[in-house]
Amino acid sequence: MNDSKSAHQHGIGLIGFLLVLTAFGILGTVALKALPSYMEYYSIQATVNRIAHDPLLQSDSDMRTAFDHQMQVDSIREVTGRDLDISGGTVAMRYQKKIALTDTMTLLIDFDATSKP
């Protein structure tokens, strides 16, 4: 005899599985396209901190030149030393990055790399 409780199935069906797989695929694609921009941001953040706390760099032009030199070492392509905001002992870099996801969709990320006190 079949008991009605034992005949009841649990779990997701094929359509549910495909929807979950599609969602993970879209999120994975966005993450893979955004990863290089975030790696560049962390490199810029480290450079901004290093420049802000370097006692040998006294003037704004020295800091911008040092940033440009480090830019070549770290392969930073989005910004230059001219984009640095230097005021009151704080060095900051604010910029936006557009990442094309498809022909009609773009991801816009605002980055703010500010030196730590």
PDB file of N, CA and C in Angstrom:
ATOM      1  N   MET A   1       0.831  -1.178   0.000  1.00  0.00           N
ATOM      2  CA  MET A   1       0.000   0.000   0.000  1.00  0.00           C
ATOM      3  C   MET A   1       0.876   1.242   0.000  1.00  0.00           C
ATOM      4  N   ASN A   2       0.446   2.223  -0.757  1.00  0.00           N
ATOM      5  CA  ASN A   2       1.163   3.496  -0.789  1.00  0.00           C
ATOM      6  C   ASN A   2       0.553   4.438   0.220  1.00  0.00           C
ATOM      7  N   ASP A   3       1.368   4.869   1.117  1.00  0.00           N
ATOM      8  CA  ASP A   3       0.942   5.874   2.084  1.00  0.00           C
ATOM      9  C   ASP A   3       1.082   7.241   1.425  1.00  0.00           C
ATOM     10  N   SER A   4       0.126   8.144   1.618  1.00  0.00           N
ATOM     11  CA  SER A   4       0.148   9.447   0.955  1.00  0.00           C
ATOM     12  C   SER A   4       1.346  10.282   1.403  1.00  0.00           C
ATOM     13  N   LYS A   5       1.856  10.055   2.615  1.00  0.00           N
ATOM     14  CA  LYS A   5       3.017  10.795   3.093  1.00  0.00           C
ATOM     15  C   LYS A   5       4.288  10.344   2.393  1.00  0.00           C
ATOM     16  N   SER A   6       4.432   9.073   2.091  1.00  0.00           N
ATOM     17  CA  SER A   6       5.649   8.588   1.450  1.00  0.00           C
ATOM     18  C   SER A   6       5.664   8.896  -0.038  1.00  0.00           C
ATOM     19  N   ALA A   7       4.520   9.151  -0.653  1.00  0.00           N
ATOM     20  CA  ALA A   7       4.467   9.467  -2.077  1.00  0.00           C
ATOM     21  C   ALA A   7       4.756  10.939  -2.334  1.00  0.00           C
ATOM     22  N   HIS A   8       4.741  11.781  -1.322  1.00  0.00           N
ATOM     23  CA  HIS A   8       4.996  13.215  -1.484  1.00  0.00           C
ATOM     24  C   HIS A   8       6.480  13.449  -1.726  1.00  0.00           C
ATOM     25  N   GLN A   9       6.804  14.173  -2.798  1.00  0.00           N
ATOM     26  CA  GLN A   9       8.202  14.420  -3.136  1.00  0.00           C
ATOM     27  C   GLN A   9       8.676  15.740  -2.541  1.00  0.00           C
ATOM     28  N   HIS A  10       9.956  15.813  -2.255  1.00  0.00           N
ATOM     29  CA  HIS A  10      10.576  17.009  -1.707  1.00  0.00           C
ATOM     30  C   HIS A  10      11.694  17.452  -2.636  1.00  0.00           C
ATOM     31  N   GLY A  11      11.983  18.753  -2.625  1.00  0.00           N
ATOM     32  CA  GLY A  11      13.085  19.274  -3.433  1.00  0.00           C
ATOM     33  C   GLY A  11      12.563  20.197  -4.515  1.00  0.00           C
ATOM     34  N   ILE A  12      13.484  20.692  -5.330  1.00  0.00           N
ATOM     35  CA  ILE A  12      13.086  21.599  -6.396  1.00  0.00           C
ATOM     36  C   ILE A  12      12.956  20.830  -7.701  1.00  0.00           C
ATOM     37  N   GLY A  13      12.111  21.319  -8.549  1.00  0.00           N
ATOM     38  CA  GLY A  13      11.915  20.690  -9.841  1.00  0.00           C
ATOM     39  C   GLY A  13      12.923  21.195 -10.854  1.00  0.00           C
ATOM     40  N   LEU A  14      12.772  20.775 -12.072  1.00  0.00           N
ATOM     41  CA  LEU A  14      13.685  21.153 -13.143  1.00  0.00           C
ATOM     42  C   LEU A  14      13.638  22.654 -13.407  1.00  0.00           C
ATOM     43  N   ILE A  15      12.458  23.230 -13.432  1.00  0.00           N
ATOM     44  CA  ILE A  15      12.340  24.660 -13.693  1.00  0.00           C
ATOM     45  C   ILE A  15      12.964  25.467 -12.560  1.00  0.00           C
ATOM     46  N   GLY A  16      12.739  25.076 -11.330  1.00  0.00           N
ATOM     47  CA  GLY A  16      13.358  25.745 -10.187  1.00  0.00           C
ATOM     48  C   GLY A  16      14.873  25.656 -10.245  1.00  0.00           C
ATOM     49  N   PHE A  17      15.382  24.479 -10.612  1.00  0.00           N
ATOM     50  CA  PHE A  17      16.827  24.285 -10.733  1.00  0.00           C
ATOM     51  C   PHE A  17      17.405  25.191 -11.821  1.00  0.00           C
ATOM     52  N   LEU A  18      16.724  25.301 -12.949  1.00  0.00           N
ATOM     53  CA  LEU A  18      17.193  26.151 -14.043  1.00  0.00           C
ATOM     54  C   LEU A  18      17.170  27.628 -13.648  1.00  0.00           C
ATOM     55  N   LEU A  19      16.166  28.048 -12.900  1.00  0.00           N
ATOM     56  CA  LEU A  19      16.112  29.436 -12.431  1.00  0.00           C
ATOM     57  C   LEU A  19      17.267  29.744 -11.475  1.00  0.00           C
ATOM     58  N   VAL A  20      17.535  28.835 -10.558  1.00  0.00           N
ATOM     59  CA  VAL A  20      18.651  29.023  -9.625  1.00  0.00           C
ATOM     60  C   VAL A  20      19.972  29.031 -10.385  1.00  0.00           C
ATOM     61  N   LEU A  21      20.137  28.143 -11.333  1.00  0.00           N
ATOM     62  CA  LEU A  21      21.351  28.076 -12.141  1.00  0.00           C
ATOM     63  C   LEU A  21      21.540  29.366 -12.952  1.00  0.00           C
ATOM     64  N   THR A  22      20.468  29.898 -13.508  1.00  0.00           N
ATOM     65  CA  THR A  22      20.531  31.151 -14.268  1.00  0.00           C
ATOM     66  C   THR A  22      20.932  32.315 -13.358  1.00  0.00           C
ATOM     67  N   ALA A  23      20.348  32.386 -12.171  1.00  0.00           N
ATOM     68  CA  ALA A  23      20.682  33.461 -11.229  1.00  0.00           C
ATOM     69  C   ALA A  23      22.159  33.404 -10.844  1.00  0.00           C
ATOM     70  N   PHE A  24      22.662  32.214 -10.549  1.00  0.00           N
ATOM     71  CA  PHE A  24      24.082  32.079 -10.212  1.00  0.00           C
ATOM     72  C   PHE A  24      24.966  32.413 -11.405  1.00  0.00           C
ATOM     73  N   GLY A  25      24.535  32.079 -12.599  1.00  0.00           N
ATOM     74  CA  GLY A  25      25.299  32.405 -13.803  1.00  0.00           C
ATOM     75  C   GLY A  25      25.404  33.903 -14.016  1.00  0.00           C
ATOM     76  N   ILE A  26      24.308  34.612 -13.815  1.00  0.00           N
ATOM     77  CA  ILE A  26      24.307  36.072 -13.977  1.00  0.00           C
ATOM     78  C   ILE A  26      25.185  36.721 -12.911  1.00  0.00           C
ATOM     79  N   LEU A  27      25.029  36.307 -11.664  1.00  0.00           N
ATOM     80  CA  LEU A  27      25.855  36.863 -10.581  1.00  0.00           C
ATOM     81  C   LEU A  27      27.336  36.555 -10.795  1.00  0.00           C
ATOM     82  N   GLY A  28      27.638  35.361 -11.269  1.00  0.00           N
ATOM     83  CA  GLY A  28      29.029  34.984 -11.540  1.00  0.00           C
ATOM     84  C   GLY A  28      29.632  35.823 -12.652  1.00  0.00           C
ATOM     85  N   THR A  29      28.859  36.084 -13.697  1.00  0.00           N
ATOM     86  CA  THR A  29      29.340  36.909 -14.805  1.00  0.00           C
ATOM     87  C   THR A  29      29.633  38.331 -14.337  1.00  0.00           C
ATOM     88  N   VAL A  30      28.723  38.906 -13.553  1.00  0.00           N
ATOM     89  CA  VAL A  30      28.930  40.260 -13.030  1.00  0.00           C
ATOM     90  C   VAL A  30      30.170  40.286 -12.135  1.00  0.00           C
ATOM     91  N   ALA A  31      30.327  39.287 -11.289  1.00  0.00           N
ATOM     92  CA  ALA A  31      31.479  39.242 -10.386  1.00  0.00           C
ATOM     93  C   ALA A  31      32.790  39.127 -11.173  1.00  0.00           C
ATOM     94  N   LEU A  32      32.818  38.300 -12.191  1.00  0.00           N
ATOM     95  CA  LEU A  32      34.040  38.140 -12.983  1.00  0.00           C
ATOM     96  C   LEU A  32      34.394  39.408 -13.753  1.00  0.00           C
ATOM     97  N   LYS A  33      33.396  40.135 -14.217  1.00  0.00           N
ATOM     98  CA  LYS A  33      33.669  41.378 -14.946  1.00  0.00           C
ATOM     99  C   LYS A  33      34.080  42.503 -14.005  1.00  0.00           C
ATOM    100  N   ALA A  34      33.585  42.505 -12.776  1.00  0.00           N
ATOM    101  CA  ALA A  34      33.894  43.570 -11.826  1.00  0.00           C
ATOM    102  C   ALA A  34      35.189  43.311 -11.050  1.00  0.00           C
ATOM    103  N   LEU A  35      35.642  42.084 -10.983  1.00  0.00           N
ATOM    104  CA  LEU A  35      36.817  41.731 -10.185  1.00  0.00           C
ATOM    105  C   LEU A  35      38.071  42.528 -10.563  1.00  0.00           C
ATOM    106  N   PRO A  36      38.423  42.678 -11.835  1.00  0.00           N
ATOM    107  CA  PRO A  36      39.625  43.468 -12.146  1.00  0.00           C
ATOM    108  C   PRO A  36      39.530  44.917 -11.678  1.00  0.00           C
ATOM    109  N   SER A  37      38.357  45.507 -11.746  1.00  0.00           N
ATOM    110  CA  SER A  37      38.180  46.889 -11.286  1.00  0.00           C
ATOM    111  C   SER A  37      38.377  46.991  -9.779  1.00  0.00           C
ATOM    112  N   TYR A  38      37.891  46.010  -9.030  1.00  0.00           N
ATOM    113  CA  TYR A  38      38.078  46.026  -7.579  1.00  0.00           C
ATOM    114  C   TYR A  38      39.531  45.774  -7.209  1.00  0.00           C
ATOM    115  N   MET A  39      40.213  44.928  -7.961  1.00  0.00           N
ATOM    116  CA  MET A  39      41.637  44.702  -7.696  1.00  0.00           C
ATOM    117  C   MET A  39      42.431  45.987  -7.942  1.00  0.00           C
ATOM    118  N   GLU A  40      42.087  46.713  -9.006  1.00  0.00           N
ATOM    119  CA  GLU A  40      42.739  47.977  -9.286  1.00  0.00           C
ATOM    120  C   GLU A  40      42.431  48.994  -8.185  1.00  0.00           C
ATOM    121  N   TYR A  41      41.188  49.011  -7.705  1.00  0.00           N
ATOM    122  CA  TYR A  41      40.813  49.923  -6.624  1.00  0.00           C
ATOM    123  C   TYR A  41      41.647  49.659  -5.371  1.00  0.00           C
ATOM    124  N   TYR A  42      41.825  48.392  -4.990  1.00  0.00           N
ATOM    125  CA  TYR A  42      42.606  48.083  -3.795  1.00  0.00           C
ATOM    126  C   TYR A  42      44.066  48.481  -3.984  1.00  0.00           C
ATOM    127  N   SER A  43      44.568  48.389  -5.195  1.00  0.00           N
ATOM    128  CA  SER A  43      45.921  48.843  -5.481  1.00  0.00           C
ATOM    129  C   SER A  43      46.016  50.363  -5.359  1.00  0.00           C
ATOM    130  N   ILE A  44      45.010  51.075  -5.859  1.00  0.00           N
ATOM    131  CA  ILE A  44      44.970  52.529  -5.732  1.00  0.00           C
ATOM    132  C   ILE A  44      44.867  52.928  -4.263  1.00  0.00           C
ATOM    133  N   GLN A  45      44.030  52.226  -3.498  1.00  0.00           N
ATOM    134  CA  GLN A  45      43.878  52.516  -2.066  1.00  0.00           C
ATOM    135  C   GLN A  45      45.208  52.362  -1.335  1.00  0.00           C
ATOM    136  N   ALA A  46      45.929  51.295  -1.626  1.00  0.00           N
ATOM    137  CA  ALA A  46      47.229  51.075  -0.984  1.00  0.00           C
ATOM    138  C   ALA A  46      48.225  52.161  -1.374  1.00  0.00           C
ATOM    139  N   THR A  47      48.218  52.568  -2.632  1.00  0.00           N
ATOM    140  CA  THR A  47      49.122  53.612  -3.101  1.00  0.00           C
ATOM    141  C   THR A  47      48.791  54.949  -2.454  1.00  0.00           C
ATOM    142  N   VAL A  48      47.514  55.276  -2.350  1.00  0.00           N
ATOM    143  CA  VAL A  48      47.092  56.525  -1.715  1.00  0.00           C
ATOM    144  C   VAL A  48      47.540  56.547  -0.255  1.00  0.00           C
ATOM    145  N   ASN A  49      47.380  55.441   0.456  1.00  0.00           N
ATOM    146  CA  ASN A  49      47.822  55.377   1.855  1.00  0.00           C
ATOM    147  C   ASN A  49      49.335  55.538   1.966  1.00  0.00           C
ATOM    148  N   ARG A  50      50.058  54.875   1.078  1.00  0.00           N
ATOM    149  CA  ARG A  50      51.520  54.941   1.103  1.00  0.00           C
ATOM    150  C   ARG A  50      52.000  56.371   0.849  1.00  0.00           C
ATOM    151  N   ILE A  51      51.392  57.036  -0.124  1.00  0.00           N
ATOM    152  CA  ILE A  51      51.790  58.407  -0.459  1.00  0.00           C
ATOM    153  C   ILE A  51      51.452  59.370   0.673  1.00  0.00           C
ATOM    154  N   ALA A  52      50.298  59.209   1.282  1.00  0.00           N
ATOM    155  CA  ALA A  52      49.869  60.125   2.342  1.00  0.00           C
ATOM    156  C   ALA A  52      50.765  60.044   3.570  1.00  0.00           C
ATOM    157  N   HIS A  53      51.373  58.890   3.811  1.00  0.00           N
ATOM    158  CA  HIS A  53      52.178  58.707   5.017  1.00  0.00           C
ATOM    159  C   HIS A  53      53.678  58.700   4.748  1.00  0.00           C
ATOM    160  N   ASP A  54      54.084  59.023   3.537  1.00  0.00           N
ATOM    161  CA  ASP A  54      55.508  59.067   3.203  1.00  0.00           C
ATOM    162  C   ASP A  54      56.079  60.429   3.619  1.00  0.00           C
ATOM    163  N   PRO A  55      56.992  60.452   4.596  1.00  0.00           N
ATOM    164  CA  PRO A  55      57.518  61.734   5.076  1.00  0.00           C
ATOM    165  C   PRO A  55      58.403  62.451   4.050  1.00  0.00           C
ATOM    166  N   LEU A  56      58.893  61.737   3.048  1.00  0.00           N
ATOM    167  CA  LEU A  56      59.750  62.356   2.044  1.00  0.00           C
ATOM    168  C   LEU A  56      58.959  63.162   1.014  1.00  0.00           C
ATOM    169  N   LEU A  57      57.671  62.890   0.902  1.00  0.00           N
ATOM    170  CA  LEU A  57      56.834  63.603  -0.066  1.00  0.00           C
ATOM    171  C   LEU A  57      56.194  64.797   0.620  1.00  0.00           C
ATOM    172  N   GLN A  58      56.730  65.971   0.365  1.00  0.00           N
ATOM    173  CA  GLN A  58      56.272  67.178   1.048  1.00  0.00           C
ATOM    174  C   GLN A  58      55.243  67.965   0.242  1.00  0.00           C
ATOM    175  N   SER A  59      55.430  68.077  -1.059  1.00  0.00           N
ATOM    176  CA  SER A  59      54.540  68.919  -1.854  1.00  0.00           C
ATOM    177  C   SER A  59      53.507  68.074  -2.603  1.00  0.00           C
ATOM    178  N   ASP A  60      52.476  68.763  -3.066  1.00  0.00           N
ATOM    179  CA  ASP A  60      51.439  68.078  -3.844  1.00  0.00           C
ATOM    180  C   ASP A  60      52.008  67.498  -5.130  1.00  0.00           C
ATOM    181  N   SER A  61      52.913  68.221  -5.777  1.00  0.00           N
ATOM    182  CA  SER A  61      53.492  67.716  -7.029  1.00  0.00           C
ATOM    183  C   SER A  61      54.354  66.487  -6.783  1.00  0.00           C
ATOM    184  N   ASP A  62      55.045  66.422  -5.636  1.00  0.00           N
ATOM    185  CA  ASP A  62      55.817  65.217  -5.291  1.00  0.00           C
ATOM    186  C   ASP A  62      54.887  64.019  -5.123  1.00  0.00           C
ATOM    187  N   MET A  63      53.750  64.247  -4.480  1.00  0.00           N
ATOM    188  CA  MET A  63      52.785  63.158  -4.274  1.00  0.00           C
ATOM    189  C   MET A  63      52.199  62.692  -5.603  1.00  0.00           C
ATOM    190  N   ARG A  64      51.881  63.624  -6.473  1.00  0.00           N
ATOM    191  CA  ARG A  64      51.316  63.256  -7.785  1.00  0.00           C
ATOM    192  C   ARG A  64      52.348  62.486  -8.617  1.00  0.00           C
ATOM    193  N   THR A  65      53.596  62.915  -8.579  1.00  0.00           N
ATOM    194  CA  THR A  65      54.658  62.220  -9.313  1.00  0.00           C
ATOM    195  C   THR A  65      54.868  60.816  -8.751  1.00  0.00           C
ATOM    196  N   ALA A  66      54.872  60.699  -7.431  1.00  0.00           N
ATOM    197  CA  ALA A  66      55.035  59.375  -6.806  1.00  0.00           C
ATOM    198  C   ALA A  66      53.867  58.464  -7.172  1.00  0.00           C
ATOM    199  N   PHE A  67      52.659  59.022  -7.227  1.00  0.00           N
ATOM    200  CA  PHE A  67      51.504  58.220  -7.621  1.00  0.00           C
ATOM    201  C   PHE A  67      51.649  57.754  -9.067  1.00  0.00           C
ATOM    202  N   ASP A  68      52.094  58.637  -9.951  1.00  0.00           N
ATOM    203  CA  ASP A  68      52.273  58.262 -11.356  1.00  0.00           C
ATOM    204  C   ASP A  68      53.320  57.170 -11.519  1.00  0.00           C
ATOM    205  N   HIS A  69      54.382  57.226 -10.736  1.00  0.00           N
ATOM    206  CA  HIS A  69      55.404  56.174 -10.804  1.00  0.00           C
ATOM    207  C   HIS A  69      54.837  54.840 -10.318  1.00  0.00           C
ATOM    208  N   GLN A  70      54.103  54.881  -9.223  1.00  0.00           N
ATOM    209  CA  GLN A  70      53.505  53.652  -8.685  1.00  0.00           C
ATOM    210  C   GLN A  70      52.435  53.118  -9.629  1.00  0.00           C
ATOM    211  N   MET A  71      51.776  54.022 -10.337  1.00  0.00           N
ATOM    212  CA  MET A  71      50.753  53.641 -11.307  1.00  0.00           C
ATOM    213  C   MET A  71      51.336  52.726 -12.378  1.00  0.00           C
ATOM    214  N   GLN A  72      52.534  53.029 -12.829  1.00  0.00           N
ATOM    215  CA  GLN A  72      53.187  52.209 -13.843  1.00  0.00           C
ATOM    216  C   GLN A  72      53.566  50.847 -13.279  1.00  0.00           C
ATOM    217  N   VAL A  73      54.007  50.812 -12.029  1.00  0.00           N
ATOM    218  CA  VAL A  73      54.401  49.543 -11.402  1.00  0.00           C
ATOM    219  C   VAL A  73      53.196  48.633 -11.209  1.00  0.00           C
ATOM    220  N   ASP A  74      52.076  49.210 -10.734  1.00  0.00           N
ATOM    221  CA  ASP A  74      50.883  48.417 -10.415  1.00  0.00           C
ATOM    222  C   ASP A  74      49.925  48.274 -11.587  1.00  0.00           C
ATOM    223  N   SER A  75      50.276  48.798 -12.748  1.00  0.00           N
ATOM    224  CA  SER A  75      49.421  48.734 -13.945  1.00  0.00           C
ATOM    225  C   SER A  75      48.052  49.371 -13.708  1.00  0.00           C
ATOM    226  N   ILE A  76      48.060  50.525 -13.078  1.00  0.00           N
ATOM    227  CA  ILE A  76      46.826  51.281 -12.853  1.00  0.00           C
ATOM    228  C   ILE A  76      46.568  52.100 -14.104  1.00  0.00           C
ATOM    229  N   ARG A  77      45.379  51.940 -14.699  1.00  0.00           N
ATOM    230  CA  ARG A  77      45.086  52.609 -15.955  1.00  0.00           C
ATOM    231  C   ARG A  77      43.916  53.587 -15.861  1.00  0.00           C
ATOM    232  N   GLU A  78      43.149  53.525 -14.808  1.00  0.00           N
ATOM    233  CA  GLU A  78      41.926  54.318 -14.712  1.00  0.00           C
ATOM    234  C   GLU A  78      42.162  55.765 -14.330  1.00  0.00           C
ATOM    235  N   VAL A  79      43.185  56.036 -13.538  1.00  0.00           N
ATOM    236  CA  VAL A  79      43.389  57.370 -12.993  1.00  0.00           C
ATOM    237  C   VAL A  79      44.862  57.750 -13.109  1.00  0.00           C
ATOM    238  N   THR A  80      45.148  59.027 -12.886  1.00  0.00           N
ATOM    239  CA  THR A  80      46.526  59.505 -12.875  1.00  0.00           C
ATOM    240  C   THR A  80      46.740  60.361 -11.625  1.00  0.00           C
ATOM    241  N   GLY A  81      47.950  60.810 -11.452  1.00  0.00           N
ATOM    242  CA  GLY A  81      48.262  61.668 -10.316  1.00  0.00           C
ATOM    243  C   GLY A  81      47.506  62.979 -10.337  1.00  0.00           C
ATOM    244  N   ARG A  82      47.113  63.452 -11.524  1.00  0.00           N
ATOM    245  CA  ARG A  82      46.328  64.688 -11.624  1.00  0.00           C
ATOM    246  C   ARG A  82      44.964  64.544 -10.955  1.00  0.00           C
ATOM    247  N   ASP A  83      44.472  63.307 -10.839  1.00  0.00           N
ATOM    248  CA  ASP A  83      43.151  63.067 -10.258  1.00  0.00           C
ATOM    249  C   ASP A  83      43.159  63.022  -8.733  1.00  0.00           C
ATOM    250  N   LEU A  84      44.340  63.091  -8.121  1.00  0.00           N
ATOM    251  CA  LEU A  84      44.420  63.061  -6.664  1.00  0.00           C
ATOM    252  C   LEU A  84      43.829  64.330  -6.066  1.00  0.00           C
ATOM    253  N   ASP A  85      43.099  64.161  -4.973  1.00  0.00           N
ATOM    254  CA  ASP A  85      42.571  65.282  -4.200  1.00  0.00           C
ATOM    255  C   ASP A  85      43.392  65.352  -2.912  1.00  0.00           C
ATOM    256  N   ILE A  86      44.258  66.333  -2.822  1.00  0.00           N
ATOM    257  CA  ILE A  86      45.174  66.461  -1.687  1.00  0.00           C
ATOM    258  C   ILE A  86      44.784  67.697  -0.893  1.00  0.00           C
ATOM    259  N   SER A  87      44.383  67.482   0.370  1.00  0.00           N
ATOM    260  CA  SER A  87      44.014  68.625   1.215  1.00  0.00           C
ATOM    261  C   SER A  87      44.096  68.236   2.679  1.00  0.00           C
ATOM    262  N   GLY A  88      44.709  69.103   3.455  1.00  0.00           N
ATOM    263  CA  GLY A  88      44.766  68.916   4.899  1.00  0.00           C
ATOM    264  C   GLY A  88      45.414  67.621   5.347  1.00  0.00           C
ATOM    265  N   GLY A  89      46.442  67.168   4.649  1.00  0.00           N
ATOM    266  CA  GLY A  89      47.116  65.927   5.017  1.00  0.00           C
ATOM    267  C   GLY A  89      46.394  64.665   4.575  1.00  0.00           C
ATOM    268  N   THR A  90      45.277  64.817   3.892  1.00  0.00           N
ATOM    269  CA  THR A  90      44.519  63.668   3.392  1.00  0.00           C
ATOM    270  C   THR A  90      44.671  63.593   1.874  1.00  0.00           C
ATOM    271  N   VAL A  91      44.916  62.410   1.402  1.00  0.00           N
ATOM    272  CA  VAL A  91      45.015  62.168  -0.033  1.00  0.00           C
ATOM    273  C   VAL A  91      43.835  61.280  -0.414  1.00  0.00           C
ATOM    274  N   ALA A  92      43.113  61.692  -1.449  1.00  0.00           N
ATOM    275  CA  ALA A  92      41.927  60.930  -1.859  1.00  0.00           C
ATOM    276  C   ALA A  92      41.885  60.800  -3.373  1.00  0.00           C
ATOM    277  N   MET A  93      41.242  59.754  -3.803  1.00  0.00           N
ATOM    278  CA  MET A  93      41.024  59.500  -5.227  1.00  0.00           C
ATOM    279  C   MET A  93      39.584  59.023  -5.370  1.00  0.00           C
ATOM    280  N   ARG A  94      38.779  59.805  -6.055  1.00  0.00           N
ATOM    281  CA  ARG A  94      37.376  59.431  -6.301  1.00  0.00           C
ATOM    282  C   ARG A  94      37.178  59.329  -7.799  1.00  0.00           C
ATOM    283  N   TYR A  95      36.619  58.205  -8.222  1.00  0.00           N
ATOM    284  CA  TYR A  95      36.397  58.002  -9.651  1.00  0.00           C
ATOM    285  C   TYR A  95      35.281  56.996  -9.871  1.00  0.00           C
ATOM    286  N   GLN A  96      34.786  56.966 -11.105  1.00  0.00           N
ATOM    287  CA  GLN A  96      33.743  56.017 -11.476  1.00  0.00           C
ATOM    288  C   GLN A  96      34.283  55.073 -12.541  1.00  0.00           C
ATOM    289  N   LYS A  97      33.784  53.871 -12.520  1.00  0.00           N
ATOM    290  CA  LYS A  97      34.177  52.863 -13.504  1.00  0.00           C
ATOM    291  C   LYS A  97      32.913  52.298 -14.131  1.00  0.00           C
ATOM    292  N   LYS A  98      32.847  52.326 -15.453  1.00  0.00           N
ATOM    293  CA  LYS A  98      31.737  51.719 -16.183  1.00  0.00           C
ATOM    294  C   LYS A  98      32.215  50.397 -16.748  1.00  0.00           C
ATOM    295  N   ILE A  99      31.435  49.354 -16.495  1.00  0.00           N
ATOM    296  CA  ILE A  99      31.768  48.019 -16.967  1.00  0.00           C
ATOM    297  C   ILE A  99      30.623  47.534 -17.841  1.00  0.00           C
ATOM    298  N   ALA A 100      30.920  47.235 -19.078  1.00  0.00           N
ATOM    299  CA  ALA A 100      29.892  46.749 -20.002  1.00  0.00           C
ATOM    300  C   ALA A 100      29.575  45.292 -19.673  1.00  0.00           C
ATOM    301  N   LEU A 101      28.319  45.034 -19.330  1.00  0.00           N
ATOM    302  CA  LEU A 101      27.893  43.662 -19.062  1.00  0.00           C
ATOM    303  C   LEU A 101      27.377  43.005 -20.342  1.00  0.00           C
ATOM    304  N   THR A 102      26.549  43.726 -21.078  1.00  0.00           N
ATOM    305  CA  THR A 102      26.052  43.282 -22.386  1.00  0.00           C
ATOM    306  C   THR A 102      26.061  44.512 -23.294  1.00  0.00           C
ATOM    307  N   ASP A 103      25.498  44.376 -24.471  1.00  0.00           N
ATOM    308  CA  ASP A 103      25.424  45.514 -25.382  1.00  0.00           C
ATOM    309  C   ASP A 103      24.538  46.626 -24.829  1.00  0.00           C
ATOM    310  N   THR A 104      23.569  46.266 -24.010  1.00  0.00           N
ATOM    311  CA  THR A 104      22.603  47.252 -23.529  1.00  0.00           C
ATOM    312  C   THR A 104      22.657  47.493 -22.025  1.00  0.00           C
ATOM    313  N   MET A 105      23.503  46.778 -21.303  1.00  0.00           N
ATOM    314  CA  MET A 105      23.582  46.938 -19.843  1.00  0.00           C
ATOM    315  C   MET A 105      25.004  47.281 -19.421  1.00  0.00           C
ATOM    316  N   THR A 106      25.106  48.268 -18.529  1.00  0.00           N
ATOM    317  CA  THR A 106      26.395  48.704 -18.011  1.00  0.00           C
ATOM    318  C   THR A 106      26.318  48.767 -16.497  1.00  0.00           C
ATOM    319  N   LEU A 107      27.383  48.327 -15.846  1.00  0.00           N
ATOM    320  CA  LEU A 107      27.506  48.408 -14.396  1.00  0.00           C
ATOM    321  C   LEU A 107      28.356  49.634 -14.074  1.00  0.00           C
ATOM    322  N   LEU A 108      27.851  50.543 -13.231  1.00  0.00           N
ATOM    323  CA  LEU A 108      28.572  51.750 -12.837  1.00  0.00           C
ATOM    324  C   LEU A 108      28.943  51.623 -11.365  1.00  0.00           C
ATOM    325  N   ILE A 109      30.249  51.741 -11.076  1.00  0.00           N
ATOM    326  CA  ILE A 109      30.739  51.614  -9.703  1.00  0.00           C
ATOM    327  C   ILE A 109      31.447  52.907  -9.328  1.00  0.00           C
ATOM    328  N   ASP A 110      31.099  53.476  -8.171  1.00  0.00           N
ATOM    329  CA  ASP A 110      31.775  54.652  -7.634  1.00  0.00           C
ATOM    330  C   ASP A 110      32.835  54.171  -6.648  1.00  0.00           C
ATOM    331  N   PHE A 111      34.087  54.562  -6.898  1.00  0.00           N
ATOM    332  CA  PHE A 111      35.190  54.202  -6.011  1.00  0.00           C
ATOM    333  C   PHE A 111      35.655  55.436  -5.267  1.00  0.00           C
ATOM    334  N   ASP A 112      36.022  55.270  -4.005  1.00  0.00           N
ATOM    335  CA  ASP A 112      36.522  56.350  -3.175  1.00  0.00           C
ATOM    336  C   ASP A 112      37.694  55.807  -2.364  1.00  0.00           C
ATOM    337  N   ALA A 113      38.900  56.104  -2.808  1.00  0.00           N
ATOM    338  CA  ALA A 113      40.107  55.669  -2.105  1.00  0.00           C
ATOM    339  C   ALA A 113      40.649  56.855  -1.338  1.00  0.00           C
ATOM    340  N   THR A 114      40.465  56.854  -0.026  1.00  0.00           N
ATOM    341  CA  THR A 114      40.923  57.953   0.830  1.00  0.00           C
ATOM    342  C   THR A 114      41.948  57.424   1.810  1.00  0.00           C
ATOM    343  N   SER A 115      42.990  58.211   2.032  1.00  0.00           N
ATOM    344  CA  SER A 115      44.051  57.773   2.950  1.00  0.00           C
ATOM    345  C   SER A 115      43.512  57.642   4.367  1.00  0.00           C
ATOM    346  N   LYS A 116      44.053  56.683   5.064  1.00  0.00           N
ATOM    347  CA  LYS A 116      43.682  56.451   6.469  1.00  0.00           C
ATOM    348  C   LYS A 116      44.521  57.360   7.355  1.00  0.00           C
ATOM    349  N   PRO A 117      43.964  57.819   8.460  1.00  0.00           N
ATOM    350  CA  PRO A 117      44.735  58.701   9.365  1.00  0.00           C
ATOM    351  C   PRO A 117      45.892  57.987  10.029  1.00  0.00           C
TER     352      PRO A 117
END
